[in-house]
Amino acid sequence: MASAKGEQPKSVRYSVTLVPPAARAVDDLVEATGLNKADVINRAVQIYAFLEERMREGKVVLLRGPDEKEERVHIV
């Protein structure tokens, strides 16, 4: 959150222990995107926050394939 003076927020350091599937997902995303682990995790948290806010508004998450078929995504 920016301060009243318009300054950029400072980074916050967290130490987390990831379960094996989450650690593999981070490694896979690092490989696929070329981003570093911190950037992958930062993006994941921001995407989750975005989706969570929309779902609280009553919206749903849909994926549409090349065949135009839609699949509803349930995030638990």
PDB file of N, CA and C in Angstrom:
ATOM      1  N   MET A   1       0.843  -1.158   0.000  1.00  0.00           N
ATOM      2  CA  MET A   1       0.000   0.000   0.000  1.00  0.00           C
ATOM      3  C   MET A   1       0.897   1.232   0.000  1.00  0.00           C
ATOM      4  N   ALA A   2       0.633   2.184  -0.874  1.00  0.00           N
ATOM      5  CA  ALA A   2       1.425   3.399  -0.960  1.00  0.00           C
ATOM      6  C   ALA A   2       1.099   4.316   0.211  1.00  0.00           C
ATOM      7  N   SER A   3       2.102   5.084   0.605  1.00  0.00           N
ATOM      8  CA  SER A   3       1.876   6.032   1.686  1.00  0.00           C
ATOM      9  C   SER A   3       1.145   7.256   1.156  1.00  0.00           C
ATOM     10  N   ALA A   4       0.762   8.141   2.072  1.00  0.00           N
ATOM     11  CA  ALA A   4       0.045   9.353   1.683  1.00  0.00           C
ATOM     12  C   ALA A   4       0.895  10.236   0.780  1.00  0.00           C
ATOM     13  N   LYS A   5       2.208  10.121   0.873  1.00  0.00           N
ATOM     14  CA  LYS A   5       3.109  10.927   0.054  1.00  0.00           C
ATOM     15  C   LYS A   5       3.319  10.323  -1.327  1.00  0.00           C
ATOM     16  N   GLY A   6       2.650   9.226  -1.635  1.00  0.00           N
ATOM     17  CA  GLY A   6       2.782   8.606  -2.947  1.00  0.00           C
ATOM     18  C   GLY A   6       4.023   7.751  -3.101  1.00  0.00           C
ATOM     19  N   GLU A   7       4.674   7.423  -2.008  1.00  0.00           N
ATOM     20  CA  GLU A   7       5.869   6.591  -2.071  1.00  0.00           C
ATOM     21  C   GLU A   7       5.485   5.148  -2.366  1.00  0.00           C
ATOM     22  N   GLN A   8       6.380   4.449  -3.042  1.00  0.00           N
ATOM     23  CA  GLN A   8       6.155   3.035  -3.325  1.00  0.00           C
ATOM     24  C   GLN A   8       6.285   2.229  -2.036  1.00  0.00           C
ATOM     25  N   PRO A   9       5.478   1.193  -1.878  1.00  0.00           N
ATOM     26  CA  PRO A   9       5.597   0.354  -0.684  1.00  0.00           C
ATOM     27  C   PRO A   9       6.916  -0.406  -0.706  1.00  0.00           C
ATOM     28  N   LYS A  10       7.405  -0.726   0.475  1.00  0.00           N
ATOM     29  CA  LYS A  10       8.637  -1.502   0.576  1.00  0.00           C
ATOM     30  C   LYS A  10       8.303  -2.978   0.464  1.00  0.00           C
ATOM     31  N   SER A  11       9.260  -3.722  -0.038  1.00  0.00           N
ATOM     32  CA  SER A  11       9.089  -5.170  -0.124  1.00  0.00           C
ATOM     33  C   SER A  11       9.061  -5.759   1.280  1.00  0.00           C
ATOM     34  N   VAL A  12       8.354  -6.864   1.413  1.00  0.00           N
ATOM     35  CA  VAL A  12       8.278  -7.584   2.675  1.00  0.00           C
ATOM     36  C   VAL A  12       8.817  -8.981   2.438  1.00  0.00           C
ATOM     37  N   ARG A  13       9.662  -9.439   3.334  1.00  0.00           N
ATOM     38  CA  ARG A  13      10.245 -10.771   3.202  1.00  0.00           C
ATOM     39  C   ARG A  13       9.447 -11.755   4.056  1.00  0.00           C
ATOM     40  N   TYR A  14       9.070 -12.887   3.436  1.00  0.00           N
ATOM     41  CA  TYR A  14       8.393 -13.972   4.137  1.00  0.00           C
ATOM     42  C   TYR A  14       9.222 -15.234   3.981  1.00  0.00           C
ATOM     43  N   SER A  15       9.157 -16.074   4.974  1.00  0.00           N
ATOM     44  CA  SER A  15       9.767 -17.392   4.882  1.00  0.00           C
ATOM     45  C   SER A  15       8.625 -18.401   4.931  1.00  0.00           C
ATOM     46  N   VAL A  16       8.478 -19.179   3.864  1.00  0.00           N
ATOM     47  CA  VAL A  16       7.386 -20.146   3.803  1.00  0.00           C
ATOM     48  C   VAL A  16       7.930 -21.525   3.473  1.00  0.00           C
ATOM     49  N   THR A  17       7.229 -22.529   3.923  1.00  0.00           N
ATOM     50  CA  THR A  17       7.542 -23.901   3.561  1.00  0.00           C
ATOM     51  C   THR A  17       6.460 -24.372   2.611  1.00  0.00           C
ATOM     52  N   LEU A  18       6.860 -24.745   1.401  1.00  0.00           N
ATOM     53  CA  LEU A  18       5.905 -25.199   0.396  1.00  0.00           C
ATOM     54  C   LEU A  18       5.768 -26.709   0.455  1.00  0.00           C
ATOM     55  N   VAL A  19       4.541 -27.189   0.307  1.00  0.00           N
ATOM     56  CA  VAL A  19       4.332 -28.628   0.187  1.00  0.00           C
ATOM     57  C   VAL A  19       4.924 -29.060  -1.154  1.00  0.00           C
ATOM     58  N   PRO A  20       5.310 -30.334  -1.285  1.00  0.00           N
ATOM     59  CA  PRO A  20       5.973 -30.783  -2.516  1.00  0.00           C
ATOM     60  C   PRO A  20       5.250 -30.422  -3.820  1.00  0.00           C
ATOM     61  N   PRO A  21       3.918 -30.581  -3.921  1.00  0.00           N
ATOM     62  CA  PRO A  21       3.280 -30.202  -5.191  1.00  0.00           C
ATOM     63  C   PRO A  21       3.433 -28.710  -5.511  1.00  0.00           C
ATOM     64  N   ALA A  22       3.372 -27.860  -4.484  1.00  0.00           N
ATOM     65  CA  ALA A  22       3.535 -26.419  -4.713  1.00  0.00           C
ATOM     66  C   ALA A  22       4.968 -26.101  -5.119  1.00  0.00           C
ATOM     67  N   ALA A  23       5.937 -26.747  -4.487  1.00  0.00           N
ATOM     68  CA  ALA A  23       7.342 -26.526  -4.844  1.00  0.00           C
ATOM     69  C   ALA A  23       7.604 -26.954  -6.283  1.00  0.00           C
ATOM     70  N   ARG A  24       7.023 -28.086  -6.689  1.00  0.00           N
ATOM     71  CA  ARG A  24       7.188 -28.536  -8.081  1.00  0.00           C
ATOM     72  C   ARG A  24       6.541 -27.549  -9.040  1.00  0.00           C
ATOM     73  N   ALA A  25       5.378 -27.030  -8.666  1.00  0.00           N
ATOM     74  CA  ALA A  25       4.692 -26.057  -9.518  1.00  0.00           C
ATOM     75  C   ALA A  25       5.543 -24.803  -9.689  1.00  0.00           C
ATOM     76  N   VAL A  26       6.160 -24.327  -8.607  1.00  0.00           N
ATOM     77  CA  VAL A  26       7.043 -23.160  -8.712  1.00  0.00           C
ATOM     78  C   VAL A  26       8.203 -23.471  -9.648  1.00  0.00           C
ATOM     79  N   ASP A  27       8.842 -24.614  -9.455  1.00  0.00           N
ATOM     80  CA  ASP A  27       9.966 -24.990 -10.322  1.00  0.00           C
ATOM     81  C   ASP A  27       9.534 -25.102 -11.777  1.00  0.00           C
ATOM     82  N   ASP A  28       8.377 -25.701 -12.019  1.00  0.00           N
ATOM     83  CA  ASP A  28       7.870 -25.826 -13.393  1.00  0.00           C
ATOM     84  C   ASP A  28       7.618 -24.458 -14.012  1.00  0.00           C
ATOM     85  N   LEU A  29       7.056 -23.541 -13.229  1.00  0.00           N
ATOM     86  CA  LEU A  29       6.781 -22.199 -13.742  1.00  0.00           C
ATOM     87  C   LEU A  29       8.061 -21.407 -13.989  1.00  0.00           C
ATOM     88  N   VAL A  30       9.055 -21.583 -13.135  1.00  0.00           N
ATOM     89  CA  VAL A  30      10.357 -20.938 -13.361  1.00  0.00           C
ATOM     90  C   VAL A  30      10.924 -21.409 -14.695  1.00  0.00           C
ATOM     91  N   GLU A  31      10.864 -22.705 -14.925  1.00  0.00           N
ATOM     92  CA  GLU A  31      11.373 -23.281 -16.175  1.00  0.00           C
ATOM     93  C   GLU A  31      10.570 -22.786 -17.378  1.00  0.00           C
ATOM     94  N   ALA A  32       9.262 -22.767 -17.256  1.00  0.00           N
ATOM     95  CA  ALA A  32       8.399 -22.409 -18.389  1.00  0.00           C
ATOM     96  C   ALA A  32       8.443 -20.920 -18.724  1.00  0.00           C
ATOM     97  N   THR A  33       8.604 -20.073 -17.699  1.00  0.00           N
ATOM     98  CA  THR A  33       8.505 -18.631 -17.925  1.00  0.00           C
ATOM     99  C   THR A  33       9.840 -17.908 -17.975  1.00  0.00           C
ATOM    100  N   GLY A  34      10.862 -18.506 -17.374  1.00  0.00           N
ATOM    101  CA  GLY A  34      12.146 -17.814 -17.277  1.00  0.00           C
ATOM    102  C   GLY A  34      12.193 -16.803 -16.140  1.00  0.00           C
ATOM    103  N   LEU A  35      11.110 -16.711 -15.370  1.00  0.00           N
ATOM    104  CA  LEU A  35      11.090 -15.819 -14.212  1.00  0.00           C
ATOM    105  C   LEU A  35      11.818 -16.479 -13.046  1.00  0.00           C
ATOM    106  N   ASN A  36      12.212 -15.684 -12.059  1.00  0.00           N
ATOM    107  CA  ASN A  36      12.814 -16.288 -10.871  1.00  0.00           C
ATOM    108  C   ASN A  36      11.705 -16.715  -9.903  1.00  0.00           C
ATOM    109  N   LYS A  37      12.084 -17.456  -8.880  1.00  0.00           N
ATOM    110  CA  LYS A  37      11.089 -18.000  -7.945  1.00  0.00           C
ATOM    111  C   LYS A  37      10.288 -16.906  -7.256  1.00  0.00           C
ATOM    112  N   ALA A  38      10.949 -15.838  -6.847  1.00  0.00           N
ATOM    113  CA  ALA A  38      10.230 -14.753  -6.167  1.00  0.00           C
ATOM    114  C   ALA A  38       9.172 -14.148  -7.081  1.00  0.00           C
ATOM    115  N   ASP A  39       9.513 -13.937  -8.352  1.00  0.00           N
ATOM    116  CA  ASP A  39       8.546 -13.356  -9.285  1.00  0.00           C
ATOM    117  C   ASP A  39       7.379 -14.303  -9.543  1.00  0.00           C
ATOM    118  N   VAL A  40       7.667 -15.595  -9.665  1.00  0.00           N
ATOM    119  CA  VAL A  40       6.599 -16.580  -9.869  1.00  0.00           C
ATOM    120  C   VAL A  40       5.643 -16.570  -8.676  1.00  0.00           C
ATOM    121  N   ILE A  41       6.189 -16.571  -7.468  1.00  0.00           N
ATOM    122  CA  ILE A  41       5.347 -16.594  -6.273  1.00  0.00           C
ATOM    123  C   ILE A  41       4.582 -15.281  -6.132  1.00  0.00           C
ATOM    124  N   ASN A  42       5.232 -14.145  -6.407  1.00  0.00           N
ATOM    125  CA  ASN A  42       4.535 -12.851  -6.361  1.00  0.00           C
ATOM    126  C   ASN A  42       3.353 -12.834  -7.316  1.00  0.00           C
ATOM    127  N   ARG A  43       3.551 -13.299  -8.532  1.00  0.00           N
ATOM    128  CA  ARG A  43       2.461 -13.325  -9.512  1.00  0.00           C
ATOM    129  C   ARG A  43       1.344 -14.256  -9.072  1.00  0.00           C
ATOM    130  N   ALA A  44       1.720 -15.412  -8.533  1.00  0.00           N
ATOM    131  CA  ALA A  44       0.710 -16.379  -8.090  1.00  0.00           C
ATOM    132  C   ALA A  44      -0.169 -15.786  -6.991  1.00  0.00           C
ATOM    133  N   VAL A  45       0.434 -15.100  -6.042  1.00  0.00           N
ATOM    134  CA  VAL A  45      -0.332 -14.500  -4.947  1.00  0.00           C
ATOM    135  C   VAL A  45      -1.261 -13.414  -5.482  1.00  0.00           C
ATOM    136  N   GLN A  46      -0.773 -12.595  -6.408  1.00  0.00           N
ATOM    137  CA  GLN A  46      -1.606 -11.532  -6.972  1.00  0.00           C
ATOM    138  C   GLN A  46      -2.769 -12.097  -7.786  1.00  0.00           C
ATOM    139  N   ILE A  47      -2.511 -13.146  -8.548  1.00  0.00           N
ATOM    140  CA  ILE A  47      -3.585 -13.776  -9.326  1.00  0.00           C
ATOM    141  C   ILE A  47      -4.623 -14.390  -8.391  1.00  0.00           C
ATOM    142  N   TYR A  48      -4.168 -15.066  -7.347  1.00  0.00           N
ATOM    143  CA  TYR A  48      -5.093 -15.662  -6.388  1.00  0.00           C
ATOM    144  C   TYR A  48      -5.947 -14.581  -5.723  1.00  0.00           C
ATOM    145  N   ALA A  49      -5.333 -13.467  -5.328  1.00  0.00           N
ATOM    146  CA  ALA A  49      -6.084 -12.373  -4.705  1.00  0.00           C
ATOM    147  C   ALA A  49      -7.130 -11.813  -5.668  1.00  0.00           C
ATOM    148  N   PHE A  50      -6.761 -11.657  -6.926  1.00  0.00           N
ATOM    149  CA  PHE A  50      -7.687 -11.160  -7.945  1.00  0.00           C
ATOM    150  C   PHE A  50      -8.880 -12.103  -8.096  1.00  0.00           C
ATOM    151  N   LEU A  51      -8.598 -13.397  -8.229  1.00  0.00           N
ATOM    152  CA  LEU A  51      -9.668 -14.378  -8.400  1.00  0.00           C
ATOM    153  C   LEU A  51     -10.547 -14.474  -7.159  1.00  0.00           C
ATOM    154  N   GLU A  52      -9.941 -14.460  -5.998  1.00  0.00           N
ATOM    155  CA  GLU A  52     -10.700 -14.558  -4.745  1.00  0.00           C
ATOM    156  C   GLU A  52     -11.660 -13.377  -4.606  1.00  0.00           C
ATOM    157  N   GLU A  53     -11.190 -12.184  -4.940  1.00  0.00           N
ATOM    158  CA  GLU A  53     -12.054 -11.001  -4.862  1.00  0.00           C
ATOM    159  C   GLU A  53     -13.241 -11.130  -5.818  1.00  0.00           C
ATOM    160  N   ARG A  54     -12.990 -11.585  -7.028  1.00  0.00           N
ATOM    161  CA  ARG A  54     -14.074 -11.734  -8.002  1.00  0.00           C
ATOM    162  C   ARG A  54     -15.067 -12.803  -7.565  1.00  0.00           C
ATOM    163  N   MET A  55     -14.580 -13.889  -6.997  1.00  0.00           N
ATOM    164  CA  MET A  55     -15.485 -14.948  -6.545  1.00  0.00           C
ATOM    165  C   MET A  55     -16.340 -14.471  -5.370  1.00  0.00           C
ATOM    166  N   ARG A  56     -15.793 -13.621  -4.499  1.00  0.00           N
ATOM    167  CA  ARG A  56     -16.589 -13.041  -3.408  1.00  0.00           C
ATOM    168  C   ARG A  56     -17.704 -12.165  -3.959  1.00  0.00           C
ATOM    169  N   GLU A  57     -17.504 -11.609  -5.149  1.00  0.00           N
ATOM    170  CA  GLU A  57     -18.534 -10.801  -5.812  1.00  0.00           C
ATOM    171  C   GLU A  57     -19.589 -11.675  -6.486  1.00  0.00           C
ATOM    172  N   GLY A  58     -19.405 -12.999  -6.418  1.00  0.00           N
ATOM    173  CA  GLY A  58     -20.365 -13.907  -7.032  1.00  0.00           C
ATOM    174  C   GLY A  58     -20.014 -14.321  -8.447  1.00  0.00           C
ATOM    175  N   LYS A  59     -18.839 -13.910  -8.914  1.00  0.00           N
ATOM    176  CA  LYS A  59     -18.432 -14.279 -10.266  1.00  0.00           C
ATOM    177  C   LYS A  59     -17.836 -15.681 -10.259  1.00  0.00           C
ATOM    178  N   VAL A  60     -17.756 -16.299 -11.433  1.00  0.00           N
ATOM    179  CA  VAL A  60     -17.175 -17.629 -11.572  1.00  0.00           C
ATOM    180  C   VAL A  60     -15.978 -17.553 -12.510  1.00  0.00           C
ATOM    181  N   VAL A  61     -15.101 -18.540 -12.377  1.00  0.00           N
ATOM    182  CA  VAL A  61     -13.919 -18.625 -13.231  1.00  0.00           C
ATOM    183  C   VAL A  61     -14.186 -19.680 -14.296  1.00  0.00           C
ATOM    184  N   LEU A  62     -14.045 -19.281 -15.550  1.00  0.00           N
ATOM    185  CA  LEU A  62     -14.260 -20.190 -16.674  1.00  0.00           C
ATOM    186  C   LEU A  62     -13.012 -20.242 -17.538  1.00  0.00           C
ATOM    187  N   LEU A  63     -12.714 -21.433 -18.049  1.00  0.00           N
ATOM    188  CA  LEU A  63     -11.667 -21.602 -19.049  1.00  0.00           C
ATOM    189  C   LEU A  63     -12.338 -21.980 -20.353  1.00  0.00           C
ATOM    190  N   ARG A  64     -11.899 -21.374 -21.435  1.00  0.00           N
ATOM    191  CA  ARG A  64     -12.474 -21.693 -22.739  1.00  0.00           C
ATOM    192  C   ARG A  64     -11.354 -22.234 -23.616  1.00  0.00           C
ATOM    193  N   GLY A  65     -11.565 -23.444 -24.142  1.00  0.00           N
ATOM    194  CA  GLY A  65     -10.583 -24.084 -24.999  1.00  0.00           C
ATOM    195  C   GLY A  65     -10.703 -23.625 -26.439  1.00  0.00           C
ATOM    196  N   PRO A  66      -9.786 -24.076 -27.286  1.00  0.00           N
ATOM    197  CA  PRO A  66      -9.815 -23.710 -28.699  1.00  0.00           C
ATOM    198  C   PRO A  66     -11.110 -24.140 -29.386  1.00  0.00           C
ATOM    199  N   ASP A  67     -11.753 -25.167 -28.835  1.00  0.00           N
ATOM    200  CA  ASP A  67     -13.017 -25.646 -29.407  1.00  0.00           C
ATOM    201  C   ASP A  67     -14.218 -24.844 -28.895  1.00  0.00           C
ATOM    202  N   GLU A  68     -13.945 -23.771 -28.144  1.00  0.00           N
ATOM    203  CA  GLU A  68     -14.971 -22.892 -27.568  1.00  0.00           C
ATOM    204  C   GLU A  68     -15.743 -23.534 -26.413  1.00  0.00           C
ATOM    205  N   LYS A  69     -15.371 -24.750 -26.019  1.00  0.00           N
ATOM    206  CA  LYS A  69     -16.021 -25.399 -24.880  1.00  0.00           C
ATOM    207  C   LYS A  69     -15.526 -24.741 -23.589  1.00  0.00           C
ATOM    208  N   GLU A  70     -16.470 -24.434 -22.693  1.00  0.00           N
ATOM    209  CA  GLU A  70     -16.122 -23.788 -21.435  1.00  0.00           C
ATOM    210  C   GLU A  70     -16.101 -24.793 -20.296  1.00  0.00           C
ATOM    211  N   GLU A  71     -15.166 -24.569 -19.382  1.00  0.00           N
ATOM    212  CA  GLU A  71     -15.031 -25.412 -18.197  1.00  0.00           C
ATOM    213  C   GLU A  71     -14.986 -24.491 -16.981  1.00  0.00           C
ATOM    214  N   ARG A  72     -15.848 -24.747 -16.015  1.00  0.00           N
ATOM    215  CA  ARG A  72     -15.863 -23.941 -14.798  1.00  0.00           C
ATOM    216  C   ARG A  72     -14.774 -24.435 -13.859  1.00  0.00           C
ATOM    217  N   VAL A  73     -14.023 -23.504 -13.299  1.00  0.00           N
ATOM    218  CA  VAL A  73     -12.927 -23.822 -12.389  1.00  0.00           C
ATOM    219  C   VAL A  73     -13.399 -23.581 -10.960  1.00  0.00           C
ATOM    220  N   HIS A  74     -13.209 -24.566 -10.105  1.00  0.00           N
ATOM    221  CA  HIS A  74     -13.560 -24.439  -8.687  1.00  0.00           C
ATOM    222  C   HIS A  74     -12.263 -24.315  -7.895  1.00  0.00           C
ATOM    223  N   ILE A  75     -12.102 -23.211  -7.207  1.00  0.00           N
ATOM    224  CA  ILE A  75     -10.910 -22.992  -6.386  1.00  0.00           C
ATOM    225  C   ILE A  75     -11.330 -23.157  -4.935  1.00  0.00           C
ATOM    226  N   VAL A  76     -10.690 -24.104  -4.254  1.00  0.00           N
ATOM    227  CA  VAL A  76     -11.062 -24.378  -2.864  1.00  0.00           C
ATOM    228  C   VAL A  76      -9.968 -23.936  -1.920  1.00  0.00           C
TER     229      VAL A  76
END
